[in-house]
Amino acid sequence: MARWQPVLPGLDPVVEGAVTRMKKLSVHLRRVREQSLIDFDLERHEFDTLHKLAGRGGSAAPSELARDLDLAPASVTGRLDALERRGFIRRTQSTTDRRRVVVELTASGRETWLGAMDVLGHEEYRLLGVLDEGERVRLNDMLRRIMVVAEEPGGTEAWHG
């Protein structure tokens, strides 16, 4: 921050320090996630698909996954084909509607997804472990309030006059 004060004298070191740290923390967590994907031999899109399926209790229709992933149904079919070849999912006919296919997470798929999740989860707990419970609650609340403002529609229009 000291380097930037002479160049930008109106710079608020507290705001800039917080933003810089949030950016660096985001990059750090992204690197940990990417390394966990490498360790578990997963592509990001494979992990994302397993994650969405797990979030639906391990079973979903392809159309539900397409909505969750914000993808065209044909794109999801390709992902499911690859995951099925790897033994991470299985597709079966619905017992209530023969035209409907159900995608299910296999034990191997769940184990791989959980393993990748655990790596990132452990790092998150390690980092936030420097705060006591009350501090973590306050940090979570403060970040939630910031995100509410960040997600407001048209929030940056005033800067682009």
N, C-alpha and C. Protein backbone atom coordinates (compact mmCIF):
# COMPACT_ATOMS: atom_id res chain seq x y z
N MET A 1 0.83 -1.19 0.00
CA MET A 1 0.00 0.00 0.00
C MET A 1 0.87 1.26 0.00
N ALA A 2 1.97 1.19 0.73
CA ALA A 2 2.85 2.36 0.82
C ALA A 2 3.35 2.78 -0.57
N ARG A 3 3.56 1.82 -1.45
CA ARG A 3 4.05 2.10 -2.80
C ARG A 3 3.01 2.89 -3.61
N TRP A 4 1.74 2.66 -3.34
CA TRP A 4 0.68 3.29 -4.12
C TRP A 4 0.25 4.65 -3.58
N GLN A 5 0.49 4.94 -2.31
CA GLN A 5 0.06 6.22 -1.72
C GLN A 5 0.56 7.44 -2.48
N PRO A 6 1.85 7.49 -2.88
CA PRO A 6 2.31 8.67 -3.62
C PRO A 6 1.67 8.79 -5.01
N VAL A 7 1.37 7.67 -5.63
CA VAL A 7 0.79 7.66 -6.97
C VAL A 7 -0.69 7.99 -6.93
N LEU A 8 -1.38 7.45 -5.93
CA LEU A 8 -2.82 7.66 -5.75
C LEU A 8 -3.07 8.16 -4.33
N PRO A 9 -2.88 9.45 -4.09
CA PRO A 9 -2.97 9.96 -2.72
C PRO A 9 -4.35 9.79 -2.07
N GLY A 10 -5.41 9.66 -2.85
CA GLY A 10 -6.75 9.48 -2.28
C GLY A 10 -7.06 8.03 -1.93
N LEU A 11 -6.13 7.16 -2.13
CA LEU A 11 -6.32 5.73 -1.88
C LEU A 11 -6.52 5.47 -0.39
N ASP A 12 -7.57 4.74 -0.08
CA ASP A 12 -7.83 4.35 1.32
C ASP A 12 -7.09 3.04 1.57
N PRO A 13 -6.04 3.07 2.40
CA PRO A 13 -5.24 1.86 2.59
C PRO A 13 -6.02 0.70 3.22
N VAL A 14 -7.05 1.03 4.01
CA VAL A 14 -7.84 -0.04 4.63
C VAL A 14 -8.68 -0.75 3.57
N VAL A 15 -9.35 0.04 2.72
CA VAL A 15 -10.17 -0.55 1.66
C VAL A 15 -9.29 -1.33 0.70
N GLU A 16 -8.21 -0.70 0.24
CA GLU A 16 -7.34 -1.36 -0.72
C GLU A 16 -6.68 -2.60 -0.12
N GLY A 17 -6.30 -2.52 1.13
CA GLY A 17 -5.71 -3.69 1.79
C GLY A 17 -6.69 -4.85 1.85
N ALA A 18 -7.94 -4.56 2.20
CA ALA A 18 -8.97 -5.61 2.29
C ALA A 18 -9.22 -6.22 0.90
N VAL A 19 -9.36 -5.36 -0.11
CA VAL A 19 -9.64 -5.86 -1.46
C VAL A 19 -8.46 -6.69 -1.97
N THR A 20 -7.25 -6.21 -1.77
CA THR A 20 -6.06 -6.94 -2.20
C THR A 20 -5.99 -8.31 -1.52
N ARG A 21 -6.27 -8.35 -0.22
CA ARG A 21 -6.23 -9.62 0.51
C ARG A 21 -7.32 -10.57 0.03
N MET A 22 -8.53 -10.04 -0.27
CA MET A 22 -9.60 -10.90 -0.78
C MET A 22 -9.22 -11.50 -2.13
N LYS A 23 -8.60 -10.67 -2.98
CA LYS A 23 -8.16 -11.18 -4.29
C LYS A 23 -7.12 -12.27 -4.12
N LYS A 24 -6.13 -12.02 -3.26
CA LYS A 24 -5.07 -13.01 -3.05
C LYS A 24 -5.62 -14.30 -2.43
N LEU A 25 -6.58 -14.16 -1.53
CA LEU A 25 -7.20 -15.33 -0.91
C LEU A 25 -7.97 -16.13 -1.97
N SER A 26 -8.67 -15.44 -2.85
CA SER A 26 -9.41 -16.10 -3.92
C SER A 26 -8.45 -16.86 -4.84
N VAL A 27 -7.34 -16.24 -5.20
CA VAL A 27 -6.34 -16.90 -6.04
C VAL A 27 -5.77 -18.12 -5.32
N HIS A 28 -5.47 -17.98 -4.04
CA HIS A 28 -4.92 -19.10 -3.26
C HIS A 28 -5.89 -20.28 -3.25
N LEU A 29 -7.16 -20.00 -2.97
CA LEU A 29 -8.15 -21.08 -2.91
C LEU A 29 -8.37 -21.70 -4.29
N ARG A 30 -8.30 -20.91 -5.33
CA ARG A 30 -8.43 -21.45 -6.69
C ARG A 30 -7.27 -22.40 -6.98
N ARG A 31 -6.05 -22.02 -6.56
CA ARG A 31 -4.88 -22.89 -6.79
C ARG A 31 -5.02 -24.21 -6.02
N VAL A 32 -5.51 -24.12 -4.79
CA VAL A 32 -5.72 -25.35 -4.00
C VAL A 32 -6.75 -26.24 -4.70
N ARG A 33 -7.83 -25.62 -5.19
CA ARG A 33 -8.87 -26.39 -5.89
C ARG A 33 -8.30 -27.03 -7.14
N GLU A 34 -7.54 -26.27 -7.93
CA GLU A 34 -6.97 -26.81 -9.16
C GLU A 34 -6.02 -27.97 -8.84
N GLN A 35 -5.23 -27.84 -7.77
CA GLN A 35 -4.33 -28.93 -7.41
C GLN A 35 -5.11 -30.16 -6.96
N SER A 36 -6.22 -29.96 -6.25
CA SER A 36 -7.02 -31.11 -5.83
C SER A 36 -7.62 -31.81 -7.04
N LEU A 37 -7.99 -31.05 -8.07
CA LEU A 37 -8.52 -31.67 -9.29
C LEU A 37 -7.44 -32.50 -9.98
N ILE A 38 -6.22 -31.96 -10.01
CA ILE A 38 -5.10 -32.71 -10.58
C ILE A 38 -4.86 -33.98 -9.77
N ASP A 39 -4.84 -33.84 -8.44
CA ASP A 39 -4.60 -35.00 -7.58
C ASP A 39 -5.64 -36.10 -7.76
N PHE A 40 -6.88 -35.70 -8.06
CA PHE A 40 -7.96 -36.68 -8.24
C PHE A 40 -8.26 -36.96 -9.71
N ASP A 41 -7.36 -36.50 -10.59
CA ASP A 41 -7.48 -36.74 -12.03
C ASP A 41 -8.86 -36.34 -12.56
N LEU A 42 -9.28 -35.14 -12.20
CA LEU A 42 -10.57 -34.61 -12.64
C LEU A 42 -10.38 -33.32 -13.42
N GLU A 43 -11.13 -33.20 -14.49
CA GLU A 43 -11.23 -31.92 -15.18
C GLU A 43 -12.23 -31.07 -14.40
N ARG A 44 -12.12 -29.76 -14.52
CA ARG A 44 -13.03 -28.88 -13.79
C ARG A 44 -14.48 -29.18 -14.14
N HIS A 45 -14.79 -29.37 -15.42
CA HIS A 45 -16.18 -29.63 -15.81
C HIS A 45 -16.68 -30.96 -15.26
N GLU A 46 -15.77 -31.94 -15.10
CA GLU A 46 -16.18 -33.21 -14.49
C GLU A 46 -16.53 -33.00 -13.02
N PHE A 47 -15.67 -32.28 -12.32
CA PHE A 47 -15.95 -31.98 -10.92
C PHE A 47 -17.26 -31.22 -10.78
N ASP A 48 -17.46 -30.20 -11.61
CA ASP A 48 -18.69 -29.40 -11.53
C ASP A 48 -19.93 -30.26 -11.73
N THR A 49 -19.87 -31.19 -12.66
CA THR A 49 -21.01 -32.06 -12.93
C THR A 49 -21.25 -33.00 -11.75
N LEU A 50 -20.19 -33.60 -11.22
CA LEU A 50 -20.34 -34.47 -10.04
C LEU A 50 -20.88 -33.66 -8.86
N HIS A 51 -20.40 -32.43 -8.72
CA HIS A 51 -20.83 -31.57 -7.61
C HIS A 51 -22.33 -31.27 -7.70
N LYS A 52 -22.80 -30.93 -8.89
CA LYS A 52 -24.23 -30.64 -9.07
C LYS A 52 -25.06 -31.88 -8.82
N LEU A 53 -24.58 -33.02 -9.29
CA LEU A 53 -25.30 -34.28 -9.07
C LEU A 53 -25.34 -34.63 -7.59
N ALA A 54 -24.21 -34.47 -6.91
CA ALA A 54 -24.18 -34.74 -5.46
C ALA A 54 -25.12 -33.79 -4.72
N GLY A 55 -25.19 -32.55 -5.18
CA GLY A 55 -26.06 -31.57 -4.56
C GLY A 55 -27.54 -31.90 -4.71
N ARG A 56 -27.86 -32.76 -5.63
CA ARG A 56 -29.24 -33.22 -5.81
C ARG A 56 -29.44 -34.58 -5.15
N GLY A 57 -28.59 -34.91 -4.19
CA GLY A 57 -28.74 -36.17 -3.48
C GLY A 57 -28.18 -37.37 -4.23
N GLY A 58 -27.41 -37.11 -5.30
CA GLY A 58 -26.77 -38.20 -6.04
C GLY A 58 -27.62 -38.75 -7.17
N SER A 59 -28.76 -38.13 -7.44
CA SER A 59 -29.64 -38.62 -8.50
C SER A 59 -30.39 -37.46 -9.13
N ALA A 60 -30.39 -37.41 -10.47
CA ALA A 60 -31.08 -36.32 -11.16
C ALA A 60 -31.35 -36.70 -12.61
N ALA A 61 -32.27 -36.00 -13.21
CA ALA A 61 -32.50 -36.14 -14.65
C ALA A 61 -31.46 -35.30 -15.38
N PRO A 62 -31.05 -35.71 -16.57
CA PRO A 62 -30.10 -34.90 -17.33
C PRO A 62 -30.58 -33.46 -17.53
N SER A 63 -31.87 -33.26 -17.72
CA SER A 63 -32.39 -31.90 -17.90
C SER A 63 -32.19 -31.05 -16.64
N GLU A 64 -32.29 -31.67 -15.47
CA GLU A 64 -32.05 -30.94 -14.21
C GLU A 64 -30.58 -30.52 -14.11
N LEU A 65 -29.69 -31.43 -14.49
CA LEU A 65 -28.26 -31.11 -14.47
C LEU A 65 -27.95 -30.01 -15.48
N ALA A 66 -28.57 -30.06 -16.64
CA ALA A 66 -28.35 -29.02 -17.65
C ALA A 66 -28.74 -27.66 -17.08
N ARG A 67 -29.88 -27.60 -16.41
CA ARG A 67 -30.30 -26.33 -15.78
C ARG A 67 -29.32 -25.89 -14.71
N ASP A 68 -28.93 -26.84 -13.84
CA ASP A 68 -28.01 -26.52 -12.75
C ASP A 68 -26.67 -26.01 -13.27
N LEU A 69 -26.21 -26.58 -14.38
CA LEU A 69 -24.91 -26.22 -14.95
C LEU A 69 -25.02 -25.09 -15.97
N ASP A 70 -26.23 -24.67 -16.24
CA ASP A 70 -26.50 -23.62 -17.23
C ASP A 70 -25.90 -23.99 -18.59
N LEU A 71 -26.20 -25.23 -19.02
CA LEU A 71 -25.69 -25.76 -20.28
C LEU A 71 -26.83 -26.29 -21.13
N ALA A 72 -26.56 -26.39 -22.41
CA ALA A 72 -27.51 -27.04 -23.32
C ALA A 72 -27.54 -28.53 -23.00
N PRO A 73 -28.70 -29.17 -23.14
CA PRO A 73 -28.79 -30.62 -22.87
C PRO A 73 -27.76 -31.45 -23.63
N ALA A 74 -27.46 -31.09 -24.88
CA ALA A 74 -26.47 -31.86 -25.65
C ALA A 74 -25.09 -31.80 -25.00
N SER A 75 -24.74 -30.66 -24.42
CA SER A 75 -23.44 -30.53 -23.74
C SER A 75 -23.38 -31.42 -22.51
N VAL A 76 -24.49 -31.52 -21.81
CA VAL A 76 -24.54 -32.38 -20.62
C VAL A 76 -24.41 -33.84 -21.02
N THR A 77 -25.02 -34.22 -22.13
CA THR A 77 -24.93 -35.61 -22.60
C THR A 77 -23.47 -36.01 -22.80
N GLY A 78 -22.69 -35.13 -23.42
CA GLY A 78 -21.27 -35.42 -23.61
C GLY A 78 -20.53 -35.59 -22.30
N ARG A 79 -20.83 -34.72 -21.35
CA ARG A 79 -20.20 -34.84 -20.03
C ARG A 79 -20.57 -36.15 -19.36
N LEU A 80 -21.85 -36.49 -19.44
CA LEU A 80 -22.32 -37.72 -18.79
C LEU A 80 -21.72 -38.95 -19.44
N ASP A 81 -21.56 -38.92 -20.76
CA ASP A 81 -20.91 -40.04 -21.45
C ASP A 81 -19.51 -40.28 -20.88
N ALA A 82 -18.74 -39.21 -20.75
CA ALA A 82 -17.36 -39.33 -20.25
C ALA A 82 -17.34 -39.80 -18.79
N LEU A 83 -18.22 -39.25 -17.97
CA LEU A 83 -18.26 -39.65 -16.56
C LEU A 83 -18.72 -41.11 -16.41
N GLU A 84 -19.61 -41.54 -17.27
CA GLU A 84 -20.07 -42.93 -17.23
C GLU A 84 -18.94 -43.87 -17.62
N ARG A 85 -18.16 -43.50 -18.65
CA ARG A 85 -17.01 -44.32 -19.05
C ARG A 85 -16.00 -44.46 -17.91
N ARG A 86 -15.87 -43.41 -17.09
CA ARG A 86 -14.93 -43.46 -15.97
C ARG A 86 -15.50 -44.18 -14.76
N GLY A 87 -16.78 -44.53 -14.81
CA GLY A 87 -17.42 -45.25 -13.70
C GLY A 87 -17.90 -44.34 -12.58
N PHE A 88 -17.99 -43.04 -12.84
CA PHE A 88 -18.40 -42.08 -11.80
C PHE A 88 -19.91 -41.91 -11.72
N ILE A 89 -20.61 -42.21 -12.82
CA ILE A 89 -22.07 -42.13 -12.82
C ILE A 89 -22.62 -43.35 -13.55
N ARG A 90 -23.93 -43.58 -13.37
CA ARG A 90 -24.62 -44.57 -14.19
C ARG A 90 -25.96 -43.97 -14.60
N ARG A 91 -26.41 -44.33 -15.76
CA ARG A 91 -27.71 -43.88 -16.25
C ARG A 91 -28.64 -45.08 -16.31
N THR A 92 -29.81 -44.89 -15.75
CA THR A 92 -30.81 -45.96 -15.75
C THR A 92 -32.16 -45.39 -16.19
N GLN A 93 -33.04 -46.27 -16.61
CA GLN A 93 -34.40 -45.85 -16.96
C GLN A 93 -35.16 -45.57 -15.67
N SER A 94 -35.99 -44.56 -15.70
CA SER A 94 -36.84 -44.24 -14.57
C SER A 94 -37.81 -45.39 -14.33
N THR A 95 -38.07 -45.69 -13.08
CA THR A 95 -39.03 -46.75 -12.76
C THR A 95 -40.46 -46.28 -12.94
N THR A 96 -40.67 -44.97 -12.99
CA THR A 96 -42.02 -44.43 -13.14
C THR A 96 -42.34 -43.99 -14.55
N ASP A 97 -41.31 -43.68 -15.36
CA ASP A 97 -41.53 -43.21 -16.72
C ASP A 97 -40.40 -43.74 -17.60
N ARG A 98 -40.71 -44.73 -18.43
CA ARG A 98 -39.67 -45.40 -19.24
C ARG A 98 -38.96 -44.45 -20.19
N ARG A 99 -39.56 -43.31 -20.52
CA ARG A 99 -38.92 -42.36 -21.42
C ARG A 99 -37.86 -41.53 -20.69
N ARG A 100 -37.91 -41.54 -19.39
CA ARG A 100 -37.02 -40.69 -18.58
C ARG A 100 -35.78 -41.47 -18.14
N VAL A 101 -34.64 -40.78 -18.20
CA VAL A 101 -33.37 -41.36 -17.75
C VAL A 101 -33.01 -40.71 -16.41
N VAL A 102 -32.49 -41.51 -15.52
CA VAL A 102 -32.03 -41.02 -14.22
C VAL A 102 -30.51 -41.19 -14.18
N VAL A 103 -29.82 -40.12 -13.79
CA VAL A 103 -28.36 -40.15 -13.65
C VAL A 103 -28.07 -40.32 -12.16
N GLU A 104 -27.25 -41.31 -11.85
CA GLU A 104 -26.92 -41.58 -10.44
C GLU A 104 -25.41 -41.55 -10.24
N LEU A 105 -25.01 -40.99 -9.12
CA LEU A 105 -23.60 -40.98 -8.72
C LEU A 105 -23.25 -42.39 -8.24
N THR A 106 -22.16 -42.95 -8.73
CA THR A 106 -21.71 -44.26 -8.25
C THR A 106 -20.87 -44.06 -6.98
N ALA A 107 -20.55 -45.16 -6.32
CA ALA A 107 -19.70 -45.08 -5.13
C ALA A 107 -18.34 -44.46 -5.50
N SER A 108 -17.81 -44.84 -6.65
CA SER A 108 -16.53 -44.30 -7.10
C SER A 108 -16.64 -42.81 -7.38
N GLY A 109 -17.73 -42.40 -8.01
CA GLY A 109 -17.95 -40.98 -8.30
C GLY A 109 -18.07 -40.16 -7.03
N ARG A 110 -18.82 -40.70 -6.06
CA ARG A 110 -18.99 -39.99 -4.78
C ARG A 110 -17.65 -39.90 -4.04
N GLU A 111 -16.89 -40.97 -4.05
CA GLU A 111 -15.59 -40.98 -3.36
C GLU A 111 -14.62 -39.98 -3.99
N THR A 112 -14.60 -39.92 -5.31
CA THR A 112 -13.72 -38.98 -6.01
C THR A 112 -14.15 -37.55 -5.74
N TRP A 113 -15.45 -37.27 -5.84
CA TRP A 113 -15.97 -35.93 -5.57
C TRP A 113 -15.66 -35.51 -4.13
N LEU A 114 -15.93 -36.40 -3.16
CA LEU A 114 -15.66 -36.06 -1.76
C LEU A 114 -14.17 -35.83 -1.51
N GLY A 115 -13.33 -36.64 -2.14
CA GLY A 115 -11.89 -36.47 -1.97
C GLY A 115 -11.43 -35.10 -2.43
N ALA A 116 -11.90 -34.67 -3.60
CA ALA A 116 -11.53 -33.35 -4.12
C ALA A 116 -12.11 -32.25 -3.22
N MET A 117 -13.32 -32.45 -2.73
CA MET A 117 -13.95 -31.47 -1.84
C MET A 117 -13.18 -31.36 -0.52
N ASP A 118 -12.73 -32.49 0.00
CA ASP A 118 -12.03 -32.50 1.29
C ASP A 118 -10.75 -31.68 1.27
N VAL A 119 -10.02 -31.74 0.17
CA VAL A 119 -8.77 -30.99 0.07
C VAL A 119 -9.04 -29.51 0.26
N LEU A 120 -10.00 -28.99 -0.48
CA LEU A 120 -10.34 -27.57 -0.38
C LEU A 120 -10.94 -27.25 0.98
N GLY A 121 -11.80 -28.13 1.47
CA GLY A 121 -12.43 -27.91 2.78
C GLY A 121 -11.40 -27.82 3.90
N HIS A 122 -10.42 -28.69 3.86
CA HIS A 122 -9.37 -28.65 4.89
C HIS A 122 -8.60 -27.34 4.83
N GLU A 123 -8.32 -26.86 3.63
CA GLU A 123 -7.59 -25.60 3.51
C GLU A 123 -8.44 -24.43 3.99
N GLU A 124 -9.72 -24.45 3.69
CA GLU A 124 -10.62 -23.39 4.16
C GLU A 124 -10.65 -23.35 5.69
N TYR A 125 -10.76 -24.53 6.31
CA TYR A 125 -10.76 -24.58 7.78
C TYR A 125 -9.41 -24.18 8.36
N ARG A 126 -8.33 -24.55 7.68
CA ARG A 126 -7.00 -24.15 8.15
C ARG A 126 -6.87 -22.63 8.17
N LEU A 127 -7.31 -22.00 7.08
CA LEU A 127 -7.19 -20.55 6.97
C LEU A 127 -8.11 -19.84 7.97
N LEU A 128 -9.37 -20.23 8.00
CA LEU A 128 -10.31 -19.55 8.89
C LEU A 128 -10.16 -19.98 10.34
N GLY A 129 -9.34 -21.01 10.57
CA GLY A 129 -9.06 -21.45 11.93
C GLY A 129 -8.30 -20.43 12.76
N VAL A 130 -7.72 -19.42 12.10
CA VAL A 130 -7.02 -18.37 12.86
C VAL A 130 -8.03 -17.44 13.55
N LEU A 131 -9.31 -17.55 13.16
CA LEU A 131 -10.36 -16.74 13.77
C LEU A 131 -11.15 -17.59 14.75
N ASP A 132 -11.62 -16.97 15.82
CA ASP A 132 -12.49 -17.73 16.71
C ASP A 132 -13.89 -17.78 16.10
N GLU A 133 -14.80 -18.52 16.71
CA GLU A 133 -16.13 -18.72 16.13
C GLU A 133 -16.87 -17.40 15.91
N GLY A 134 -16.82 -16.52 16.88
CA GLY A 134 -17.49 -15.23 16.76
C GLY A 134 -16.93 -14.40 15.61
N GLU A 135 -15.61 -14.44 15.45
CA GLU A 135 -14.98 -13.70 14.34
C GLU A 135 -15.41 -14.28 12.99
N ARG A 136 -15.49 -15.62 12.92
CA ARG A 136 -15.93 -16.25 11.66
C ARG A 136 -17.36 -15.85 11.34
N VAL A 137 -18.22 -15.80 12.35
CA VAL A 137 -19.62 -15.39 12.14
C VAL A 137 -19.66 -13.95 11.65
N ARG A 138 -18.89 -13.07 12.27
CA ARG A 138 -18.87 -11.66 11.87
C ARG A 138 -18.30 -11.49 10.46
N LEU A 139 -17.23 -12.21 10.15
CA LEU A 139 -16.65 -12.15 8.81
C LEU A 139 -17.67 -12.61 7.77
N ASN A 140 -18.33 -13.71 8.05
CA ASN A 140 -19.34 -14.23 7.13
C ASN A 140 -20.45 -13.19 6.92
N ASP A 141 -20.89 -12.56 7.98
CA ASP A 141 -21.94 -11.54 7.87
C ASP A 141 -21.45 -10.34 7.07
N MET A 142 -20.25 -9.89 7.34
CA MET A 142 -19.71 -8.74 6.60
C MET A 142 -19.57 -9.04 5.11
N LEU A 143 -19.06 -10.23 4.78
CA LEU A 143 -18.90 -10.59 3.38
C LEU A 143 -20.27 -10.75 2.70
N ARG A 144 -21.25 -11.27 3.42
CA ARG A 144 -22.60 -11.38 2.87
C ARG A 144 -23.14 -10.00 2.53
N ARG A 145 -22.96 -9.05 3.45
CA ARG A 145 -23.45 -7.67 3.21
C ARG A 145 -22.75 -7.04 2.01
N ILE A 146 -21.46 -7.29 1.85
CA ILE A 146 -20.71 -6.77 0.71
C ILE A 146 -21.23 -7.40 -0.58
N MET A 147 -21.48 -8.71 -0.56
CA MET A 147 -21.96 -9.39 -1.76
C MET A 147 -23.36 -8.92 -2.17
N VAL A 148 -24.20 -8.60 -1.20
CA VAL A 148 -25.53 -8.08 -1.54
C VAL A 148 -25.39 -6.81 -2.37
N VAL A 149 -24.48 -5.92 -1.98
CA VAL A 149 -24.24 -4.68 -2.73
C VAL A 149 -23.61 -5.01 -4.09
N ALA A 150 -22.64 -5.92 -4.11
CA ALA A 150 -21.95 -6.27 -5.36
C ALA A 150 -22.91 -6.86 -6.38
N GLU A 151 -23.92 -7.57 -5.92
CA GLU A 151 -24.84 -8.24 -6.84
C GLU A 151 -26.05 -7.39 -7.21
N GLU A 152 -26.10 -6.15 -6.72
CA GLU A 152 -27.21 -5.28 -7.10
C GLU A 152 -27.12 -4.98 -8.59
N PRO A 153 -28.27 -5.04 -9.28
CA PRO A 153 -28.23 -4.73 -10.72
C PRO A 153 -27.85 -3.27 -10.96
N GLY A 154 -27.03 -3.05 -11.98
CA GLY A 154 -26.64 -1.70 -12.34
C GLY A 154 -25.72 -1.00 -11.37
N GLY A 155 -25.09 -1.74 -10.49
CA GLY A 155 -24.25 -1.13 -9.46
C GLY A 155 -23.03 -0.39 -9.97
N THR A 156 -22.51 -0.77 -11.12
CA THR A 156 -21.29 -0.12 -11.63
C THR A 156 -21.59 0.97 -12.65
N GLU A 157 -22.85 1.18 -13.01
CA GLU A 157 -23.21 2.15 -14.05
C GLU A 157 -22.74 3.57 -13.70
N ALA A 158 -22.78 3.94 -12.43
CA ALA A 158 -22.39 5.29 -12.03
C ALA A 158 -20.93 5.57 -12.37
N TRP A 159 -20.09 4.56 -12.43
CA TRP A 159 -18.66 4.73 -12.72
C TRP A 159 -18.40 4.83 -14.20
N HIS A 160 -19.36 4.41 -15.02
CA HIS A 160 -19.13 4.37 -16.47
C HIS A 160 -19.83 5.52 -17.20
N GLY A 161 -20.29 6.55 -16.45
CA GLY A 161 -21.01 7.69 -16.97
C GLY A 161 -20.71 8.02 -18.35
